Amino acid sequence: MRLRQVLWLFAALPLISDSSAQMFKPSMREQVKIGKRASEEIRKKEHALPDDDPRVKLLREIGERLVAQIPEKERKDKPWVYTFDVIQSRQINAFALPGGPVFFYTGLLDRLTTVDQIAGIVGHEIVHVRKEHWARDYSKTLEQQGLILLGGLLLGVNSTLMQGASLVETYGLALPRSRHAETESDKIGYQMMVDAGYNPQGMIDVFRMLNETAGSKPPEFMSSHPDEKKRIRALEEFVAKNPKAFPPQRPIPVEARSPYLAFLQVRGFVVGR
């Protein structure tokens, strides 16, 4: 009887409907507030470059150009507050907060060579905001973990089996959900950068660079992100199916490189990845 109850608990996790999860989903206004509050904390703790830094100006120019590709109706229905900032750090990272703030680390920027590569990353991050990936994941997680706890209490499941249920939720639902969000951001971000007049090869180049620098990685089922090689193949298929000719990638202007890389670039050294 106990085994049957535990199997019921495991089987019920994926059956939570999107509509039921909506009760825990932060509203758009709440997401904007959360993102604004978190971005203010980040600016206090991290070294955000000033507004007049050429790298910040370039990032904002790209971000605004991509945001302009969002359909007007969507922008009216969901007026997210997009902001774009650069953090001085060796981290190879970029991320978006709920509601619109996007942060880009100089450690990643210094490895890029073209404006199109930056656009590929920024477009991807904007989609996380557009599709409310954080809010949807937050609500789903609360629902599923709540069901685990409630089911465990009602069925008298012991702690070992409860831990097993949590593992099922993590590897069977949470991580696949995260990978789906990443794939969706790749696909829609690709279209945004194409519509904005960027060369999507830039996005492909970024994933190749990340794949080369990642080192040893866990199997895909244990990761929150899809395998980079799969992402590259999917993007290459998008490019192959697109009949239009793309403009050549545009190099990052010298003034928008870090001072050291700009110094090397001016003297003819190869910089970037």
Protein backbone atom coordinates (compact mmCIF):
# COMPACT_ATOMS: atom_id res chain seq x y z
CA MET A 1 0.00 0.00 0.00
CA ARG A 2 2.81 2.41 0.88
CA LEU A 3 4.54 1.82 -2.48
CA ARG A 4 1.27 2.57 -4.29
CA GLN A 5 0.94 5.84 -2.34
CA VAL A 6 4.50 6.89 -3.13
CA LEU A 7 4.00 6.14 -6.83
CA TRP A 8 0.86 8.26 -6.75
CA LEU A 9 2.86 11.13 -5.27
CA PHE A 10 5.54 10.86 -7.97
CA ALA A 11 3.01 10.54 -10.77
CA ALA A 12 0.98 13.53 -9.63
CA LEU A 13 3.86 16.00 -9.89
CA PRO A 14 3.73 16.51 -13.68
CA LEU A 15 -0.06 16.82 -13.64
CA ILE A 16 -0.12 20.27 -12.11
CA SER A 17 -1.77 22.46 -14.73
CA ASP A 18 -0.47 25.82 -15.88
CA SER A 19 -3.68 27.41 -14.64
CA SER A 20 -3.23 26.10 -11.10
CA ALA A 21 0.36 27.34 -11.01
CA GLN A 22 -0.81 30.85 -11.88
CA MET A 23 -1.99 31.43 -8.30
CA PHE A 24 1.66 31.63 -7.18
CA LYS A 25 2.97 33.48 -10.23
CA PRO A 26 4.13 37.03 -9.40
CA SER A 27 2.21 39.67 -11.35
CA MET A 28 3.95 41.81 -13.94
CA ARG A 29 4.08 44.72 -11.50
CA GLU A 30 5.60 42.48 -8.83
CA GLN A 31 8.18 41.17 -11.28
CA VAL A 32 9.22 44.73 -12.18
CA LYS A 33 9.55 45.60 -8.48
CA ILE A 34 11.57 42.46 -7.75
CA GLY A 35 13.90 43.10 -10.68
CA LYS A 36 14.38 46.75 -9.79
CA ARG A 37 15.14 45.92 -6.16
CA ALA A 38 17.58 43.16 -7.13
CA SER A 39 19.33 45.36 -9.70
CA GLU A 40 19.82 48.10 -7.10
CA GLU A 41 21.45 45.57 -4.78
CA ILE A 42 23.71 44.34 -7.57
CA ARG A 43 24.84 47.88 -8.36
CA LYS A 44 25.70 48.38 -4.67
CA LYS A 45 27.74 45.19 -4.40
CA GLU A 46 29.26 45.00 -7.89
CA HIS A 47 31.30 47.50 -9.89
CA ALA A 48 28.81 48.68 -12.51
CA LEU A 49 30.46 50.78 -15.22
CA PRO A 50 29.29 54.41 -15.51
CA ASP A 51 26.68 55.50 -18.05
CA ASP A 52 29.26 57.28 -20.21
CA ASP A 53 31.49 54.21 -20.60
CA PRO A 54 31.57 53.24 -24.32
CA ARG A 55 30.87 49.60 -23.41
CA VAL A 56 27.69 50.60 -21.59
CA LYS A 57 26.63 52.84 -24.47
CA LEU A 58 27.16 50.02 -26.96
CA LEU A 59 25.24 47.51 -24.86
CA ARG A 60 22.32 49.91 -24.47
CA GLU A 61 22.29 50.71 -28.17
CA ILE A 62 22.06 46.99 -28.97
CA GLY A 63 19.46 46.39 -26.26
CA GLU A 64 17.21 49.21 -27.45
CA ARG A 65 17.49 48.04 -31.05
CA LEU A 66 16.41 44.54 -30.03
CA VAL A 67 13.57 45.73 -27.78
CA ALA A 68 12.25 47.71 -30.75
CA GLN A 69 11.60 44.38 -32.49
CA ILE A 70 9.04 43.34 -29.88
CA PRO A 71 5.52 43.67 -31.35
CA GLU A 72 3.84 46.91 -30.33
CA LYS A 73 0.84 45.14 -28.80
CA GLU A 74 3.10 43.06 -26.59
CA ARG A 75 5.00 46.14 -25.48
CA LYS A 76 1.70 47.79 -24.50
CA ASP A 77 0.35 44.72 -22.72
CA LYS A 78 3.62 43.99 -20.95
CA PRO A 79 5.58 47.23 -20.56
CA TRP A 80 8.67 45.71 -18.97
CA VAL A 81 11.29 48.20 -17.78
CA TYR A 82 14.38 47.12 -19.73
CA THR A 83 17.74 48.39 -18.52
CA PHE A 84 21.20 47.36 -19.71
CA ASP A 85 24.32 47.56 -17.55
CA VAL A 86 27.90 46.29 -17.64
CA ILE A 87 29.62 44.92 -14.55
CA GLN A 88 33.41 45.01 -14.21
CA SER A 89 34.20 41.38 -13.42
CA ARG A 90 36.17 38.46 -14.84
CA GLN A 91 33.07 36.30 -14.78
CA ILE A 92 32.01 35.00 -18.18
CA ASN A 93 28.36 35.68 -17.68
CA ALA A 94 25.27 37.70 -18.57
CA PHE A 95 21.81 37.47 -17.05
CA ALA A 96 18.37 39.07 -16.93
CA LEU A 97 16.31 39.81 -13.86
CA PRO A 98 12.51 39.61 -13.79
CA GLY A 99 10.89 42.76 -15.09
CA GLY A 100 13.65 43.83 -17.46
CA PRO A 101 17.14 44.54 -16.03
CA VAL A 102 19.93 42.92 -18.06
CA PHE A 103 23.53 42.69 -16.82
CA PHE A 104 26.59 41.87 -18.89
CA TYR A 105 29.99 41.07 -17.37
CA THR A 106 33.22 42.43 -18.84
CA GLY A 107 34.69 38.93 -18.52
CA LEU A 108 32.27 37.82 -21.23
CA LEU A 109 32.47 41.03 -23.24
CA ASP A 110 36.26 40.74 -23.46
CA ARG A 111 35.91 37.34 -25.14
CA LEU A 112 33.66 38.65 -27.90
CA THR A 113 34.80 40.26 -31.13
CA THR A 114 31.61 41.41 -32.88
CA VAL A 115 28.52 43.46 -32.10
CA ASP A 116 26.45 40.56 -33.45
CA GLN A 117 27.79 38.25 -30.75
CA ILE A 118 26.72 40.73 -28.08
CA ALA A 119 23.30 41.00 -29.76
CA GLY A 120 22.89 37.22 -29.67
CA ILE A 121 23.38 37.17 -25.91
CA VAL A 122 21.27 40.24 -25.20
CA GLY A 123 18.41 38.98 -27.37
CA HIS A 124 18.48 35.67 -25.49
CA GLU A 125 18.29 37.46 -22.13
CA ILE A 126 15.46 39.74 -23.24
CA VAL A 127 13.37 36.68 -24.08
CA HIS A 128 13.74 35.42 -20.50
CA VAL A 129 11.98 38.62 -19.45
CA ARG A 130 9.39 38.58 -22.25
CA LYS A 131 8.33 35.02 -21.51
CA GLU A 132 8.42 35.50 -17.72
CA HIS A 133 10.63 32.45 -17.30
CA TRP A 134 11.62 33.27 -13.73
CA ALA A 135 8.04 33.93 -12.58
CA ARG A 136 6.69 30.81 -14.26
CA ASP A 137 9.44 28.64 -12.81
CA TYR A 138 8.93 30.17 -9.37
CA SER A 139 5.20 29.39 -9.40
CA LYS A 140 5.70 25.86 -10.74
CA THR A 141 8.34 25.12 -8.13
CA LEU A 142 6.12 26.30 -5.29
CA GLU A 143 3.22 24.20 -6.58
CA GLN A 144 5.26 21.04 -7.06
CA GLN A 145 7.21 21.29 -3.82
CA GLY A 146 3.97 22.06 -1.99
CA LEU A 147 2.41 18.91 -3.42
CA ILE A 148 5.42 16.88 -2.29
CA LEU A 149 5.13 18.25 1.24
CA LEU A 150 1.35 17.86 1.42
CA GLY A 151 1.44 14.39 -0.06
CA GLY A 152 4.18 13.35 2.32
CA LEU A 153 2.21 14.57 5.34
CA LEU A 154 -1.07 12.98 4.23
CA LEU A 155 0.49 9.68 3.22
CA GLY A 156 2.97 9.43 6.06
CA VAL A 157 5.91 9.10 3.68
CA ASN A 158 9.28 8.90 5.45
CA SER A 159 12.13 11.39 4.92
CA THR A 160 14.06 9.10 2.56
CA LEU A 161 11.14 8.79 0.18
CA MET A 162 10.46 12.52 0.48
CA GLN A 163 14.02 13.17 -0.63
CA GLY A 164 13.42 10.82 -3.53
CA ALA A 165 10.34 12.82 -4.51
CA SER A 166 12.39 16.02 -4.37
CA LEU A 167 14.96 14.48 -6.69
CA VAL A 168 12.20 13.54 -9.10
CA GLU A 169 10.96 17.14 -9.01
CA THR A 170 14.48 18.49 -9.62
CA TYR A 171 15.69 16.17 -12.37
CA GLY A 172 12.35 15.25 -13.89
CA LEU A 173 10.64 18.64 -13.87
CA ALA A 174 12.67 21.66 -12.72
CA LEU A 175 15.81 21.12 -14.82
CA PRO A 176 13.88 20.12 -17.98
CA ARG A 177 11.74 23.23 -17.47
CA SER A 178 14.90 25.35 -17.28
CA ARG A 179 16.34 23.75 -20.40
CA HIS A 180 13.07 24.40 -22.24
CA ALA A 181 13.25 28.08 -21.23
CA GLU A 182 16.81 28.30 -22.54
CA THR A 183 15.82 26.69 -25.84
CA GLU A 184 12.88 29.08 -26.18
CA SER A 185 15.18 32.03 -25.51
CA ASP A 186 17.61 30.80 -28.16
CA LYS A 187 14.86 30.45 -30.76
CA ILE A 188 13.07 33.74 -30.15
CA GLY A 189 16.31 35.62 -29.46
CA TYR A 190 17.61 34.39 -32.81
CA GLN A 191 14.55 35.82 -34.58
CA MET A 192 14.85 39.11 -32.71
CA MET A 193 18.44 39.64 -33.78
CA VAL A 194 17.62 38.70 -37.39
CA ASP A 195 14.71 41.18 -37.40
CA ALA A 196 17.02 43.84 -35.94
CA GLY A 197 19.49 43.38 -38.78
CA TYR A 198 22.20 41.44 -36.94
CA ASN A 199 23.97 38.36 -38.25
CA PRO A 200 22.79 35.27 -36.28
CA GLN A 201 26.19 33.67 -36.79
CA GLY A 202 27.16 35.83 -33.84
CA MET A 203 24.94 33.79 -31.53
CA ILE A 204 26.40 30.56 -32.90
CA ASP A 205 29.93 31.88 -32.33
CA VAL A 206 29.09 32.60 -28.70
CA PHE A 207 27.92 29.05 -28.03
CA ARG A 208 31.01 27.65 -29.72
CA MET A 209 33.19 29.82 -27.50
CA LEU A 210 31.29 28.75 -24.38
CA ASN A 211 31.56 25.10 -25.38
CA GLU A 212 35.32 25.44 -25.86
CA THR A 213 35.90 27.19 -22.53
CA ALA A 214 33.45 25.27 -20.33
CA GLY A 215 35.75 22.37 -19.41
CA SER A 216 34.14 19.28 -17.91
CA LYS A 217 30.35 19.50 -17.64
CA PRO A 218 27.67 17.29 -16.07
CA PRO A 219 25.34 15.26 -18.32
CA GLU A 220 22.57 17.33 -19.86
CA PHE A 221 19.86 15.81 -17.64
CA MET A 222 21.73 17.23 -14.62
CA SER A 223 22.12 20.69 -16.11
CA SER A 224 19.85 23.74 -16.21
CA HIS A 225 21.07 24.49 -19.76
CA PRO A 226 20.91 22.38 -22.92
CA ASP A 227 24.12 20.96 -24.33
CA GLU A 228 25.92 23.69 -26.30
CA LYS A 229 26.45 21.39 -29.27
CA LYS A 230 22.69 20.83 -29.55
CA ARG A 231 22.10 24.55 -29.33
CA ILE A 232 24.63 25.19 -32.08
CA ARG A 233 23.03 22.58 -34.36
CA ALA A 234 19.57 24.03 -33.80
CA LEU A 235 20.75 27.56 -34.63
CA GLU A 236 22.61 26.35 -37.70
CA GLU A 237 19.36 24.75 -38.89
CA PHE A 238 17.55 28.07 -38.40
CA VAL A 239 20.21 29.83 -40.49
CA ALA A 240 20.09 27.15 -43.21
CA LYS A 241 16.30 27.49 -43.52
CA ASN A 242 16.41 31.29 -43.71
CA PRO A 243 16.46 32.41 -47.37
CA LYS A 244 17.69 35.95 -46.71
CA ALA A 245 21.33 36.99 -46.83
CA PHE A 246 22.65 38.32 -43.54
CA PRO A 247 24.89 41.36 -43.26
CA PRO A 248 28.53 40.70 -42.30
CA GLN A 249 29.26 40.73 -38.61
CA ARG A 250 30.39 44.12 -37.34
CA PRO A 251 33.53 44.25 -35.17
CA ILE A 252 33.19 45.76 -31.71
CA PRO A 253 34.51 49.34 -31.96
CA VAL A 254 37.93 49.88 -30.42
CA GLU A 255 36.56 52.38 -27.91
CA ALA A 256 34.08 49.78 -26.63
CA ARG A 257 36.81 47.27 -25.77
CA SER A 258 38.45 47.08 -22.36
CA PRO A 259 41.43 49.49 -22.22
CA TYR A 260 43.97 46.65 -22.41
CA LEU A 261 42.26 44.90 -25.34
CA ALA A 262 41.79 48.21 -27.13
CA PHE A 263 45.53 48.84 -26.74
CA LEU A 264 46.32 45.47 -28.32
CA GLN A 265 43.75 45.90 -31.07
CA VAL A 266 45.12 49.28 -32.11
CA ARG A 267 48.54 47.70 -32.48
CA GLY A 268 47.26 44.94 -34.71
CA PHE A 269 47.12 42.06 -32.23
CA VAL A 270 44.26 39.57 -32.49
CA VAL A 271 41.93 39.99 -29.53
CA GLY A 272 38.79 38.23 -28.41
CA ARG A 273 38.37 34.49 -28.39
